[in-house]
Structure formats: structure tokens, C-alpha cells
Amino acid sequence: MQLPEFFSQAPAITLYDPLAELLGAAQGGLIDYHFADAVKLAGHSCPTVAGAWLATVHGLRALYGDATPVRGEIAVALAETVDDGVAGVIASIATLLTGAAGAGGFKGLGGRYGRRNLLAFGVAGVAGIRLTRRDTGASVDSIVRLQSVAGDPRMGELLPQILHGIAGQESIKLFGQLWQDRVRRILTGYGDGRELVEIRHHRPSDAQTD
């Protein structure tokens, strides 16, 4: 499987998953996640996937500081409903990294390691993605500003031709190149992407009353 080279330049993150350690799936419970994992999950690479990746990675780093984030011990909330726009896509990337799942998530073992009902939609007061530590109650809102990275205007001309089946192979190839160039600039054109992400910290009482 050959993926664009810039995927490897996107920020990566290591999480500790106690369930993976218990079940022998990862030595020490440590799992490395890369942007290519998000692409494989989503089935495509786009600005939404890239933005969700940056928001979640930098949100987790802000939430845990120098400590390793604990997968399965993080709740995720979005202001949008599950069927609103691209909220479902964004949530799927957050779930990949945090383990937080909805009603269909893992129940747990003996009252531990559960991931069910840690993902919530339609939560008032959330800006971007809210990540909350279950151990301390501290949370951050992670907001990505994709509008500052504009796409090539030629994409607006090419896409209708492609969708109507009148574009040639060269036009289709060019569209894909231009599309991925915007993704590349989102992920790598601003250092490690932190310039595109705003982090808002909340104390436990703040997150409950926002």
C-alpha cells in the first residue's frame, strides 16, 4: 500500500491502553498512532480527517502534558449532533485515538476498561472537540481553524466535471493532487499543525457548567 509521503510527516502520538496491556495486544500497553491509521479508518484523506487528527492529537497533549494519554480513560464530546455535517467523521478519528465510543462500545471487564457511552454528541457549550480526563475531570476544547488553509481554486472547476463524468484522466489526477496538497499544507505546512489549533482549558467545574 503506497500512501503519500507527507503522511509520515504529520504529528504522531503514543497512548497507553491498559486493556491492550492486559490482553497482551501491545507490550507495556503502549500503542503508536500515525495519520495513516486515521486514513485507513476513514477510507480517505481529506481536510476534515486531517483537522480532526490535529485537534485530537494536540488536545490530548494539552490535556496530559508530559504524561502519556490513557486510552479508554478519556471522554469525548461534540456540540454537533451525530448526523450533522461531518461530525461523525470527526468523532471516528477521536474514537480511534481515545477509545471513547457510543452505545455500541466495549462494555468492559469486571467493571473496568469500558469504553461505552464515553462519546457524546449535541453537548451544549462545546467548541470543537472536548476531551475530558475521567481520572481528574480536567478537560480541553480543541478547535482547529481549517479556513486559514485555502484550497486551490481549480478544484472548484474540476469537481463538477468529475461528478458529471465529463472529466478526462488528467483532470481527475490533477484534482487528486490538488486535494492532497491542501491536506499536506494542513498537516505539515504549519510546523506540526499547532498553529491551526486553539486549546481552551477547563477546570472540572467549568466543563460541567459551560
N, C-alpha and C. Protein backbone atom coordinates (compact mmCIF):
# COMPACT_ATOMS: atom_id res chain seq x y z
N MET A 1 0.85 -1.19 0.00
CA MET A 1 0.00 0.00 0.00
C MET A 1 0.87 1.23 0.00
N GLN A 2 0.77 2.03 -1.04
CA GLN A 2 1.60 3.22 -1.16
C GLN A 2 0.77 4.45 -0.83
N LEU A 3 1.19 5.17 0.20
CA LEU A 3 0.50 6.36 0.64
C LEU A 3 1.37 7.58 0.38
N PRO A 4 0.77 8.78 0.29
CA PRO A 4 1.57 9.99 0.10
C PRO A 4 2.66 10.12 1.16
N GLU A 5 3.82 10.55 0.75
CA GLU A 5 4.97 10.63 1.65
C GLU A 5 4.72 11.56 2.83
N PHE A 6 3.93 12.64 2.60
CA PHE A 6 3.75 13.61 3.67
C PHE A 6 2.96 13.05 4.85
N PHE A 7 2.26 11.92 4.67
CA PHE A 7 1.54 11.33 5.79
C PHE A 7 2.48 11.07 6.96
N SER A 8 3.70 10.64 6.65
CA SER A 8 4.66 10.30 7.70
C SER A 8 5.21 11.54 8.41
N GLN A 9 4.97 12.72 7.84
CA GLN A 9 5.45 13.95 8.45
C GLN A 9 4.43 14.56 9.41
N ALA A 10 3.20 14.04 9.41
CA ALA A 10 2.17 14.54 10.31
C ALA A 10 2.50 14.14 11.74
N PRO A 11 2.06 14.92 12.72
CA PRO A 11 2.36 14.56 14.12
C PRO A 11 1.77 13.21 14.49
N ALA A 12 2.55 12.43 15.20
CA ALA A 12 2.11 11.13 15.68
C ALA A 12 1.96 11.20 17.20
N ILE A 13 1.37 10.17 17.79
CA ILE A 13 1.17 10.18 19.24
C ILE A 13 1.21 8.74 19.76
N THR A 14 1.72 8.58 20.98
CA THR A 14 1.73 7.29 21.66
C THR A 14 0.76 7.35 22.83
N LEU A 15 -0.09 6.34 22.92
CA LEU A 15 -1.05 6.25 24.02
C LEU A 15 -0.82 4.96 24.82
N TYR A 16 -1.19 5.01 26.07
CA TYR A 16 -1.15 3.82 26.91
C TYR A 16 -2.57 3.27 27.00
N ASP A 17 -2.75 2.02 26.60
CA ASP A 17 -4.05 1.37 26.65
C ASP A 17 -3.96 0.21 27.64
N PRO A 18 -4.51 0.37 28.84
CA PRO A 18 -4.41 -0.70 29.84
C PRO A 18 -5.10 -1.99 29.43
N LEU A 19 -6.15 -1.89 28.63
CA LEU A 19 -6.82 -3.10 28.15
C LEU A 19 -5.92 -3.86 27.18
N ALA A 20 -5.25 -3.12 26.30
CA ALA A 20 -4.32 -3.76 25.37
C ALA A 20 -3.18 -4.43 26.12
N GLU A 21 -2.73 -3.82 27.21
CA GLU A 21 -1.68 -4.43 28.01
C GLU A 21 -2.19 -5.71 28.68
N LEU A 22 -3.37 -5.65 29.27
CA LEU A 22 -3.95 -6.80 29.95
C LEU A 22 -4.10 -7.99 29.00
N LEU A 23 -4.56 -7.72 27.79
CA LEU A 23 -4.85 -8.79 26.83
C LEU A 23 -3.64 -9.16 25.98
N GLY A 24 -2.50 -8.57 26.28
CA GLY A 24 -1.28 -8.92 25.56
C GLY A 24 -1.21 -8.43 24.14
N ALA A 25 -1.99 -7.40 23.82
CA ALA A 25 -2.02 -6.89 22.44
C ALA A 25 -0.90 -5.92 22.15
N ALA A 26 -0.33 -5.31 23.18
CA ALA A 26 0.75 -4.34 22.99
C ALA A 26 1.66 -4.38 24.20
N GLN A 27 2.95 -4.53 23.97
CA GLN A 27 3.90 -4.61 25.07
C GLN A 27 3.86 -3.33 25.89
N GLY A 28 3.63 -3.47 27.19
CA GLY A 28 3.54 -2.31 28.06
C GLY A 28 2.30 -1.48 27.84
N GLY A 29 1.41 -1.94 26.95
CA GLY A 29 0.19 -1.20 26.66
C GLY A 29 0.39 0.03 25.83
N LEU A 30 1.58 0.23 25.28
CA LEU A 30 1.87 1.43 24.51
C LEU A 30 1.59 1.19 23.03
N ILE A 31 0.81 2.08 22.45
CA ILE A 31 0.44 1.96 21.03
C ILE A 31 0.73 3.28 20.33
N ASP A 32 1.47 3.21 19.24
CA ASP A 32 1.78 4.38 18.43
C ASP A 32 0.70 4.57 17.36
N TYR A 33 0.24 5.79 17.22
CA TYR A 33 -0.76 6.11 16.20
C TYR A 33 -0.19 7.16 15.25
N HIS A 34 -0.45 6.92 13.96
CA HIS A 34 0.02 7.82 12.91
C HIS A 34 -1.16 8.23 12.03
N PHE A 35 -0.98 9.33 11.29
CA PHE A 35 -2.06 9.83 10.45
C PHE A 35 -2.55 8.78 9.47
N ALA A 36 -1.67 7.92 9.00
CA ALA A 36 -2.08 6.86 8.08
C ALA A 36 -3.13 5.96 8.71
N ASP A 37 -3.10 5.79 10.03
CA ASP A 37 -4.12 4.99 10.70
C ASP A 37 -5.49 5.63 10.57
N ALA A 38 -5.53 6.95 10.66
CA ALA A 38 -6.79 7.68 10.51
C ALA A 38 -7.32 7.56 9.09
N VAL A 39 -6.40 7.61 8.12
CA VAL A 39 -6.79 7.49 6.71
C VAL A 39 -7.37 6.10 6.44
N LYS A 40 -6.74 5.09 6.99
CA LYS A 40 -7.24 3.72 6.81
C LYS A 40 -8.62 3.56 7.45
N LEU A 41 -8.81 4.19 8.60
CA LEU A 41 -10.11 4.12 9.26
C LEU A 41 -11.19 4.82 8.44
N ALA A 42 -10.89 6.04 8.00
CA ALA A 42 -11.88 6.82 7.26
C ALA A 42 -12.06 6.33 5.83
N GLY A 43 -11.01 5.71 5.29
CA GLY A 43 -11.06 5.28 3.90
C GLY A 43 -10.65 6.36 2.92
N HIS A 44 -10.25 7.53 3.43
CA HIS A 44 -9.83 8.61 2.55
C HIS A 44 -9.05 9.63 3.38
N SER A 45 -8.36 10.51 2.68
CA SER A 45 -7.62 11.60 3.29
C SER A 45 -8.23 12.91 2.83
N CYS A 46 -8.67 13.73 3.77
CA CYS A 46 -9.32 14.99 3.43
C CYS A 46 -9.05 16.00 4.53
N PRO A 47 -9.39 17.28 4.30
CA PRO A 47 -9.19 18.29 5.34
C PRO A 47 -9.90 17.97 6.65
N THR A 48 -11.10 17.39 6.57
CA THR A 48 -11.83 17.05 7.79
C THR A 48 -11.06 16.02 8.61
N VAL A 49 -10.57 14.97 7.98
CA VAL A 49 -9.81 13.94 8.68
C VAL A 49 -8.52 14.54 9.25
N ALA A 50 -7.85 15.36 8.45
CA ALA A 50 -6.61 15.99 8.92
C ALA A 50 -6.88 16.93 10.10
N GLY A 51 -7.96 17.70 10.01
CA GLY A 51 -8.29 18.61 11.10
C GLY A 51 -8.66 17.88 12.37
N ALA A 52 -9.43 16.80 12.23
CA ALA A 52 -9.80 16.00 13.41
C ALA A 52 -8.56 15.37 14.04
N TRP A 53 -7.64 14.94 13.19
CA TRP A 53 -6.39 14.35 13.69
C TRP A 53 -5.61 15.38 14.51
N LEU A 54 -5.41 16.58 13.95
CA LEU A 54 -4.65 17.61 14.66
C LEU A 54 -5.35 18.01 15.95
N ALA A 55 -6.67 18.20 15.88
CA ALA A 55 -7.41 18.62 17.07
C ALA A 55 -7.29 17.60 18.19
N THR A 56 -7.38 16.32 17.85
CA THR A 56 -7.33 15.28 18.88
C THR A 56 -5.92 15.10 19.42
N VAL A 57 -4.94 15.04 18.53
CA VAL A 57 -3.55 14.85 18.97
C VAL A 57 -3.11 16.00 19.88
N HIS A 58 -3.32 17.23 19.43
CA HIS A 58 -2.86 18.37 20.23
C HIS A 58 -3.73 18.58 21.46
N GLY A 59 -5.01 18.20 21.36
CA GLY A 59 -5.85 18.26 22.54
C GLY A 59 -5.38 17.30 23.62
N LEU A 60 -5.02 16.08 23.23
CA LEU A 60 -4.51 15.10 24.19
C LEU A 60 -3.19 15.54 24.80
N ARG A 61 -2.33 16.12 23.99
CA ARG A 61 -1.05 16.59 24.52
C ARG A 61 -1.27 17.71 25.54
N ALA A 62 -2.22 18.60 25.24
CA ALA A 62 -2.51 19.69 26.18
C ALA A 62 -3.15 19.15 27.45
N LEU A 63 -3.97 18.13 27.33
CA LEU A 63 -4.70 17.58 28.47
C LEU A 63 -3.78 16.82 29.42
N TYR A 64 -2.78 16.13 28.87
CA TYR A 64 -1.91 15.28 29.68
C TYR A 64 -0.53 15.86 29.93
N GLY A 65 -0.16 16.91 29.23
CA GLY A 65 1.17 17.48 29.43
C GLY A 65 2.25 16.49 29.05
N ASP A 66 3.18 16.27 29.96
CA ASP A 66 4.29 15.35 29.68
C ASP A 66 3.92 13.88 29.89
N ALA A 67 2.76 13.61 30.44
CA ALA A 67 2.34 12.24 30.70
C ALA A 67 1.78 11.61 29.43
N THR A 68 1.79 10.28 29.38
CA THR A 68 1.23 9.56 28.24
C THR A 68 -0.29 9.47 28.39
N PRO A 69 -1.05 9.92 27.40
CA PRO A 69 -2.51 9.82 27.49
C PRO A 69 -2.95 8.37 27.65
N VAL A 70 -4.02 8.17 28.41
CA VAL A 70 -4.51 6.82 28.70
C VAL A 70 -5.75 6.56 27.85
N ARG A 71 -5.59 5.70 26.88
CA ARG A 71 -6.71 5.36 26.00
C ARG A 71 -7.76 4.57 26.77
N GLY A 72 -9.02 4.94 26.60
CA GLY A 72 -10.10 4.31 27.35
C GLY A 72 -10.49 5.07 28.59
N GLU A 73 -9.68 6.07 28.96
CA GLU A 73 -9.97 6.88 30.15
C GLU A 73 -10.23 8.33 29.77
N ILE A 74 -10.70 8.53 28.55
CA ILE A 74 -10.94 9.87 28.03
C ILE A 74 -12.34 9.92 27.44
N ALA A 75 -13.13 10.91 27.85
CA ALA A 75 -14.45 11.12 27.27
C ALA A 75 -14.35 12.17 26.17
N VAL A 76 -15.18 12.01 25.15
CA VAL A 76 -15.17 12.92 24.00
C VAL A 76 -16.58 13.49 23.81
N ALA A 77 -16.66 14.79 23.58
CA ALA A 77 -17.96 15.43 23.35
C ALA A 77 -17.86 16.41 22.19
N LEU A 78 -18.92 16.47 21.40
CA LEU A 78 -19.04 17.44 20.30
C LEU A 78 -20.36 18.17 20.46
N ALA A 79 -20.39 19.41 20.00
CA ALA A 79 -21.63 20.20 20.05
C ALA A 79 -22.62 19.74 18.98
N GLU A 80 -22.11 19.25 17.85
CA GLU A 80 -22.97 18.84 16.75
C GLU A 80 -23.67 17.53 17.06
N THR A 81 -24.82 17.31 16.42
CA THR A 81 -25.48 16.01 16.52
C THR A 81 -24.75 15.03 15.62
N VAL A 82 -25.01 13.74 15.83
CA VAL A 82 -24.27 12.71 15.12
C VAL A 82 -24.47 12.78 13.61
N ASP A 83 -25.63 13.28 13.16
CA ASP A 83 -25.89 13.34 11.73
C ASP A 83 -25.70 14.74 11.16
N ASP A 84 -25.05 15.60 11.90
CA ASP A 84 -24.82 16.97 11.46
C ASP A 84 -23.48 17.08 10.73
N GLY A 85 -23.54 17.41 9.44
CA GLY A 85 -22.32 17.65 8.68
C GLY A 85 -21.33 16.50 8.75
N VAL A 86 -20.11 16.82 9.15
CA VAL A 86 -19.04 15.82 9.21
C VAL A 86 -18.74 15.41 10.65
N ALA A 87 -19.69 15.63 11.55
CA ALA A 87 -19.46 15.31 12.97
C ALA A 87 -19.10 13.84 13.16
N GLY A 88 -19.76 12.96 12.42
CA GLY A 88 -19.47 11.53 12.56
C GLY A 88 -18.06 11.17 12.17
N VAL A 89 -17.57 11.81 11.11
CA VAL A 89 -16.19 11.56 10.67
C VAL A 89 -15.21 12.06 11.72
N ILE A 90 -15.43 13.26 12.22
CA ILE A 90 -14.56 13.82 13.25
C ILE A 90 -14.54 12.92 14.48
N ALA A 91 -15.72 12.48 14.90
CA ALA A 91 -15.82 11.63 16.09
C ALA A 91 -15.09 10.30 15.90
N SER A 92 -15.13 9.76 14.68
CA SER A 92 -14.47 8.47 14.44
C SER A 92 -12.96 8.58 14.62
N ILE A 93 -12.39 9.72 14.25
CA ILE A 93 -10.95 9.92 14.44
C ILE A 93 -10.64 10.07 15.93
N ALA A 94 -11.49 10.82 16.63
CA ALA A 94 -11.30 10.97 18.07
C ALA A 94 -11.43 9.62 18.77
N THR A 95 -12.36 8.78 18.32
CA THR A 95 -12.52 7.45 18.91
C THR A 95 -11.30 6.58 18.66
N LEU A 96 -10.74 6.67 17.46
CA LEU A 96 -9.53 5.89 17.14
C LEU A 96 -8.45 6.13 18.19
N LEU A 97 -8.25 7.39 18.54
CA LEU A 97 -7.16 7.74 19.45
C LEU A 97 -7.52 7.57 20.92
N THR A 98 -8.74 7.90 21.29
CA THR A 98 -9.10 7.91 22.71
C THR A 98 -9.77 6.61 23.16
N GLY A 99 -10.36 5.88 22.23
CA GLY A 99 -11.13 4.70 22.59
C GLY A 99 -12.57 5.01 22.96
N ALA A 100 -12.90 6.29 23.13
CA ALA A 100 -14.24 6.68 23.53
C ALA A 100 -15.26 6.27 22.48
N ALA A 101 -16.30 5.55 22.91
CA ALA A 101 -17.30 5.04 21.99
C ALA A 101 -18.70 5.36 22.50
N GLY A 102 -19.67 5.20 21.61
CA GLY A 102 -21.06 5.43 21.97
C GLY A 102 -21.68 4.19 22.58
N ALA A 103 -22.99 4.04 22.34
CA ALA A 103 -23.73 2.94 22.97
C ALA A 103 -23.24 1.57 22.53
N GLY A 104 -22.59 1.48 21.38
CA GLY A 104 -22.11 0.19 20.88
C GLY A 104 -20.70 -0.15 21.28
N GLY A 105 -20.11 0.65 22.15
CA GLY A 105 -18.72 0.42 22.54
C GLY A 105 -18.53 -0.75 23.49
N PHE A 106 -17.27 -1.03 23.77
CA PHE A 106 -16.90 -2.17 24.62
C PHE A 106 -17.45 -1.95 26.04
N LYS A 107 -18.11 -2.98 26.59
CA LYS A 107 -18.73 -2.87 27.91
C LYS A 107 -17.71 -2.85 29.04
N GLY A 108 -16.58 -3.53 28.84
CA GLY A 108 -15.59 -3.62 29.89
C GLY A 108 -15.49 -5.02 30.47
N LEU A 109 -14.57 -5.17 31.41
CA LEU A 109 -14.34 -6.45 32.09
C LEU A 109 -14.41 -6.22 33.60
N GLY A 110 -15.39 -6.83 34.23
CA GLY A 110 -15.50 -6.70 35.67
C GLY A 110 -15.63 -5.27 36.15
N GLY A 111 -16.30 -4.45 35.35
CA GLY A 111 -16.48 -3.06 35.73
C GLY A 111 -15.32 -2.16 35.39
N ARG A 112 -14.33 -2.68 34.69
CA ARG A 112 -13.16 -1.88 34.30
C ARG A 112 -12.99 -1.94 32.78
N TYR A 113 -12.21 -0.99 32.27
CA TYR A 113 -11.81 -0.93 30.86
C TYR A 113 -12.96 -0.62 29.90
N GLY A 114 -14.10 -0.21 30.38
CA GLY A 114 -15.23 0.08 29.49
C GLY A 114 -15.00 1.33 28.67
N ARG A 115 -15.50 1.33 27.44
CA ARG A 115 -15.40 2.49 26.56
C ARG A 115 -16.78 2.96 26.10
N ARG A 116 -17.82 2.24 26.54
CA ARG A 116 -19.19 2.54 26.11
C ARG A 116 -19.67 3.86 26.73
N ASN A 117 -20.40 4.63 25.91
CA ASN A 117 -21.01 5.89 26.34
C ASN A 117 -20.00 6.94 26.80
N LEU A 118 -18.80 6.87 26.26
CA LEU A 118 -17.81 7.92 26.51
C LEU A 118 -17.78 8.94 25.37
N LEU A 119 -18.57 8.71 24.33
CA LEU A 119 -18.65 9.63 23.19
C LEU A 119 -20.05 10.23 23.16
N ALA A 120 -20.13 11.56 23.18
CA ALA A 120 -21.42 12.24 23.22
C ALA A 120 -21.51 13.31 22.14
N PHE A 121 -22.68 13.42 21.54
CA PHE A 121 -22.97 14.44 20.54
C PHE A 121 -24.03 15.40 21.09
N GLY A 122 -24.09 16.59 20.49
CA GLY A 122 -25.12 17.56 20.87
C GLY A 122 -24.95 18.11 22.27
N VAL A 123 -23.70 18.28 22.70
CA VAL A 123 -23.42 18.78 24.05
C VAL A 123 -23.25 20.30 24.00
N ALA A 124 -24.10 21.01 24.69
CA ALA A 124 -24.06 22.48 24.67
C ALA A 124 -22.76 23.00 25.28
N GLY A 125 -22.27 24.08 24.71
CA GLY A 125 -21.09 24.74 25.26
C GLY A 125 -19.76 24.23 24.77
N VAL A 126 -19.77 23.15 24.00
CA VAL A 126 -18.51 22.60 23.48
C VAL A 126 -18.08 23.37 22.24
N ALA A 127 -16.80 23.68 22.18
CA ALA A 127 -16.22 24.31 21.00
C ALA A 127 -15.22 23.34 20.39
N GLY A 128 -15.44 22.93 19.15
CA GLY A 128 -14.55 21.95 18.53
C GLY A 128 -14.80 20.57 19.12
N ILE A 129 -13.73 19.95 19.63
CA ILE A 129 -13.81 18.65 20.30
C ILE A 129 -13.46 18.85 21.76
N ARG A 130 -14.29 18.35 22.66
CA ARG A 130 -13.94 18.40 24.08
C ARG A 130 -13.42 17.04 24.52
N LEU A 131 -12.25 17.04 25.11
CA LEU A 131 -11.62 15.84 25.65
C LEU A 131 -11.55 15.98 27.16
N THR A 132 -12.04 14.99 27.88
CA THR A 132 -12.08 15.06 29.33
C THR A 132 -11.42 13.84 29.95
N ARG A 133 -10.52 14.09 30.88
CA ARG A 133 -9.89 13.00 31.63
C ARG A 133 -10.86 12.47 32.67
N ARG A 134 -11.07 11.17 32.67
CA ARG A 134 -12.01 10.57 33.62
C ARG A 134 -11.40 10.51 35.02
N ASP A 135 -10.07 10.53 35.13
CA ASP A 135 -9.45 10.42 36.45
C ASP A 135 -9.45 11.75 37.20
N THR A 136 -9.27 12.85 36.49
CA THR A 136 -9.18 14.16 37.15
C THR A 136 -10.37 15.07 36.86
N GLY A 137 -11.10 14.79 35.78
CA GLY A 137 -12.20 15.65 35.39
C GLY A 137 -11.77 16.86 34.58
N ALA A 138 -10.45 17.07 34.44
CA ALA A 138 -9.96 18.19 33.64
C ALA A 138 -10.31 17.97 32.17
N SER A 139 -10.53 19.05 31.45
CA SER A 139 -10.89 18.91 30.05
C SER A 139 -10.33 20.06 29.22
N VAL A 140 -10.27 19.83 27.92
CA VAL A 140 -9.89 20.87 26.98
C VAL A 140 -10.86 20.85 25.81
N ASP A 141 -11.12 22.02 25.27
CA ASP A 141 -11.78 22.13 23.99
C ASP A 141 -10.68 22.38 22.96
N SER A 142 -10.66 21.57 21.91
CA SER A 142 -9.64 21.67 20.88
C SER A 142 -10.31 22.09 19.58
N ILE A 143 -9.94 23.26 19.09
CA ILE A 143 -10.62 23.87 17.94
C ILE A 143 -9.61 24.05 16.82
N VAL A 144 -9.89 23.49 15.65
CA VAL A 144 -8.99 23.59 14.52
C VAL A 144 -9.53 24.62 13.53
N ARG A 145 -8.65 25.43 12.98
CA ARG A 145 -9.02 26.52 12.08
C ARG A 145 -8.60 26.18 10.65
N LEU A 146 -9.38 25.36 9.98
CA LEU A 146 -9.04 24.92 8.63
C LEU A 146 -9.23 26.02 7.59
N GLN A 147 -10.06 27.01 7.90
CA GLN A 147 -10.35 28.04 6.91
C GLN A 147 -9.12 28.87 6.56
N SER A 148 -8.10 28.81 7.40
CA SER A 148 -6.89 29.56 7.11
C SER A 148 -6.00 28.87 6.08
N VAL A 149 -6.36 27.66 5.69
CA VAL A 149 -5.61 26.92 4.66
C VAL A 149 -6.54 26.70 3.48
N ALA A 150 -6.47 27.60 2.53
CA ALA A 150 -7.40 27.57 1.40
C ALA A 150 -7.03 26.49 0.39
N GLY A 151 -8.04 25.97 -0.27
CA GLY A 151 -7.81 25.01 -1.34
C GLY A 151 -7.52 25.73 -2.66
N ASP A 152 -6.94 25.02 -3.60
CA ASP A 152 -6.67 25.58 -4.93
C ASP A 152 -8.00 25.84 -5.64
N PRO A 153 -8.20 27.04 -6.17
CA PRO A 153 -9.49 27.35 -6.81
C PRO A 153 -9.81 26.45 -8.00
N ARG A 154 -8.80 25.80 -8.57
CA ARG A 154 -9.05 24.91 -9.70
C ARG A 154 -9.90 23.71 -9.30
N MET A 155 -9.89 23.35 -8.01
CA MET A 155 -10.69 22.20 -7.57
C MET A 155 -12.17 22.46 -7.78
N GLY A 156 -12.59 23.72 -7.59
CA GLY A 156 -13.99 24.06 -7.79
C GLY A 156 -14.44 23.92 -9.23
N GLU A 157 -13.51 24.03 -10.15
CA GLU A 157 -13.82 23.86 -11.57
C GLU A 157 -13.78 22.39 -11.97
N LEU A 158 -12.87 21.65 -11.37
CA LEU A 158 -12.68 20.25 -11.75
C LEU A 158 -13.73 19.32 -11.18
N LEU A 159 -14.14 19.56 -9.93
CA LEU A 159 -15.04 18.63 -9.27
C LEU A 159 -16.37 18.43 -10.01
N PRO A 160 -17.05 19.49 -10.48
CA PRO A 160 -18.31 19.27 -11.22
C PRO A 160 -18.10 18.43 -12.47
N GLN A 161 -16.98 18.62 -13.15
CA GLN A 161 -16.70 17.83 -14.34
C GLN A 161 -16.53 16.35 -13.99
N ILE A 162 -15.85 16.10 -12.86
CA ILE A 162 -15.63 14.72 -12.43
C ILE A 162 -16.94 14.06 -12.03
N LEU A 163 -17.75 14.78 -11.27
CA LEU A 163 -19.02 14.22 -10.78
C LEU A 163 -20.00 13.97 -11.92
N HIS A 164 -19.89 14.75 -12.99
CA HIS A 164 -20.78 14.57 -14.14
C HIS A 164 -20.20 13.62 -15.19
N GLY A 165 -19.02 13.08 -14.88
CA GLY A 165 -18.44 12.09 -15.77
C GLY A 165 -17.87 12.63 -17.07
N ILE A 166 -17.53 13.91 -17.10
CA ILE A 166 -17.02 14.50 -18.34
C ILE A 166 -15.54 14.89 -18.23
N ALA A 167 -14.92 14.58 -17.10
CA ALA A 167 -13.51 14.93 -16.91
C ALA A 167 -12.61 13.83 -17.45
N GLY A 168 -11.51 14.23 -18.06
CA GLY A 168 -10.52 13.27 -18.53
C GLY A 168 -9.65 12.78 -17.39
N GLN A 169 -8.83 11.77 -17.68
CA GLN A 169 -7.97 11.18 -16.65
C GLN A 169 -6.97 12.18 -16.09
N GLU A 170 -6.47 13.05 -16.95
CA GLU A 170 -5.51 14.05 -16.48
C GLU A 170 -6.17 15.01 -15.49
N SER A 171 -7.42 15.38 -15.76
CA SER A 171 -8.15 16.27 -14.85
C SER A 171 -8.43 15.59 -13.53
N ILE A 172 -8.79 14.31 -13.59
CA ILE A 172 -9.05 13.55 -12.36
C ILE A 172 -7.78 13.44 -11.53
N LYS A 173 -6.67 13.17 -12.19
CA LYS A 173 -5.39 13.06 -11.48
C LYS A 173 -5.00 14.39 -10.85
N LEU A 174 -5.20 15.48 -11.60
CA LEU A 174 -4.87 16.80 -11.09
C LEU A 174 -5.72 17.14 -9.87
N PHE A 175 -7.00 16.79 -9.92
CA PHE A 175 -7.87 17.08 -8.78
C PHE A 175 -7.35 16.38 -7.52
N GLY A 176 -6.98 15.12 -7.65
CA GLY A 176 -6.47 14.38 -6.50
C GLY A 176 -5.19 15.01 -5.95
N GLN A 177 -4.34 15.47 -6.84
CA GLN A 177 -3.09 16.10 -6.41
C GLN A 177 -3.37 17.40 -5.66
N LEU A 178 -4.28 18.20 -6.20
CA LEU A 178 -4.62 19.47 -5.56
C LEU A 178 -5.30 19.24 -4.21
N TRP A 179 -6.15 18.22 -4.15
CA TRP A 179 -6.85 17.89 -2.91
C TRP A 179 -5.87 17.51 -1.82
N GLN A 180 -4.94 16.62 -2.16
CA GLN A 180 -3.97 16.17 -1.17
C GLN A 180 -2.96 17.25 -0.82
N ASP A 181 -2.74 18.20 -1.74
CA ASP A 181 -1.83 19.30 -1.42
C ASP A 181 -2.40 20.15 -0.29
N ARG A 182 -3.72 20.34 -0.26
CA ARG A 182 -4.31 21.09 0.85
C ARG A 182 -4.17 20.30 2.15
N VAL A 183 -4.41 18.99 2.09
CA VAL A 183 -4.23 18.16 3.28
C VAL A 183 -2.79 18.26 3.78
N ARG A 184 -1.84 18.22 2.83
CA ARG A 184 -0.42 18.32 3.20
C ARG A 184 -0.13 19.63 3.90
N ARG A 185 -0.68 20.72 3.38
CA ARG A 185 -0.42 22.02 3.99
C ARG A 185 -1.06 22.14 5.37
N ILE A 186 -2.20 21.49 5.56
CA ILE A 186 -2.82 21.48 6.88
C ILE A 186 -1.94 20.74 7.88
N LEU A 187 -1.42 19.60 7.48
CA LEU A 187 -0.67 18.75 8.40
C LEU A 187 0.78 19.16 8.59
N THR A 188 1.40 19.70 7.55
CA THR A 188 2.85 19.96 7.62
C THR A 188 3.25 21.38 7.26
N GLY A 189 2.34 22.14 6.68
CA GLY A 189 2.71 23.49 6.25
C GLY A 189 2.79 24.49 7.37
N TYR A 190 2.36 24.07 8.56
CA TYR A 190 2.38 24.94 9.73
C TYR A 190 3.14 24.26 10.86
N GLY A 191 4.35 23.84 10.58
CA GLY A 191 5.10 23.09 11.58
C GLY A 191 4.42 21.76 11.83
N ASP A 192 4.03 21.53 13.08
CA ASP A 192 3.31 20.28 13.41
C ASP A 192 1.82 20.52 13.52
N GLY A 193 1.33 21.64 13.01
CA GLY A 193 -0.09 21.91 12.98
C GLY A 193 -0.62 22.66 14.18
N ARG A 194 0.22 22.90 15.19
CA ARG A 194 -0.28 23.56 16.40
C ARG A 194 -0.79 24.97 16.11
N GLU A 195 -0.25 25.62 15.08
CA GLU A 195 -0.69 26.97 14.75
C GLU A 195 -2.14 27.01 14.31
N LEU A 196 -2.67 25.88 13.87
CA LEU A 196 -4.05 25.81 13.41
C LEU A 196 -5.02 25.42 14.51
N VAL A 197 -4.51 25.06 15.67
CA VAL A 197 -5.35 24.52 16.74
C VAL A 197 -5.37 25.46 17.94
N GLU A 198 -6.57 25.81 18.38
CA GLU A 198 -6.74 26.59 19.61
C GLU A 198 -7.16 25.64 20.73
N ILE A 199 -6.50 25.74 21.88
CA ILE A 199 -6.81 24.91 23.03
C ILE A 199 -7.40 25.78 24.14
N ARG A 200 -8.54 25.36 24.64
CA ARG A 200 -9.16 26.04 25.78
C ARG A 200 -9.24 25.06 26.94
N HIS A 201 -8.56 25.38 28.03
CA HIS A 201 -8.56 24.50 29.20
C HIS A 201 -9.77 24.79 30.08
N HIS A 202 -10.29 23.73 30.69
CA HIS A 202 -11.41 23.85 31.62
C HIS A 202 -11.07 23.13 32.91
N ARG A 203 -11.39 23.77 34.04
CA ARG A 203 -11.36 23.03 35.30
C ARG A 203 -12.58 22.12 35.35
N PRO A 204 -12.55 21.11 36.21
CA PRO A 204 -13.70 20.20 36.27
C PRO A 204 -15.03 20.90 36.43
N SER A 205 -15.10 21.93 37.26
CA SER A 205 -16.36 22.65 37.47
C SER A 205 -16.76 23.44 36.23
N ASP A 206 -15.76 23.95 35.48
CA ASP A 206 -16.05 24.70 34.26
C ASP A 206 -16.74 23.81 33.24
N ALA A 207 -16.20 22.61 33.01
CA ALA A 207 -16.73 21.72 31.98
C ALA A 207 -18.15 21.30 32.30
N GLN A 208 -18.49 21.25 33.56
CA GLN A 208 -19.83 20.83 33.95
C GLN A 208 -20.84 21.95 33.80
N THR A 209 -20.38 23.22 33.87
CA THR A 209 -21.33 24.32 33.87
C THR A 209 -21.33 25.10 32.57
N ASP A 210 -20.42 24.82 31.62
CA ASP A 210 -20.37 25.56 30.36
C ASP A 210 -21.70 25.45 29.62
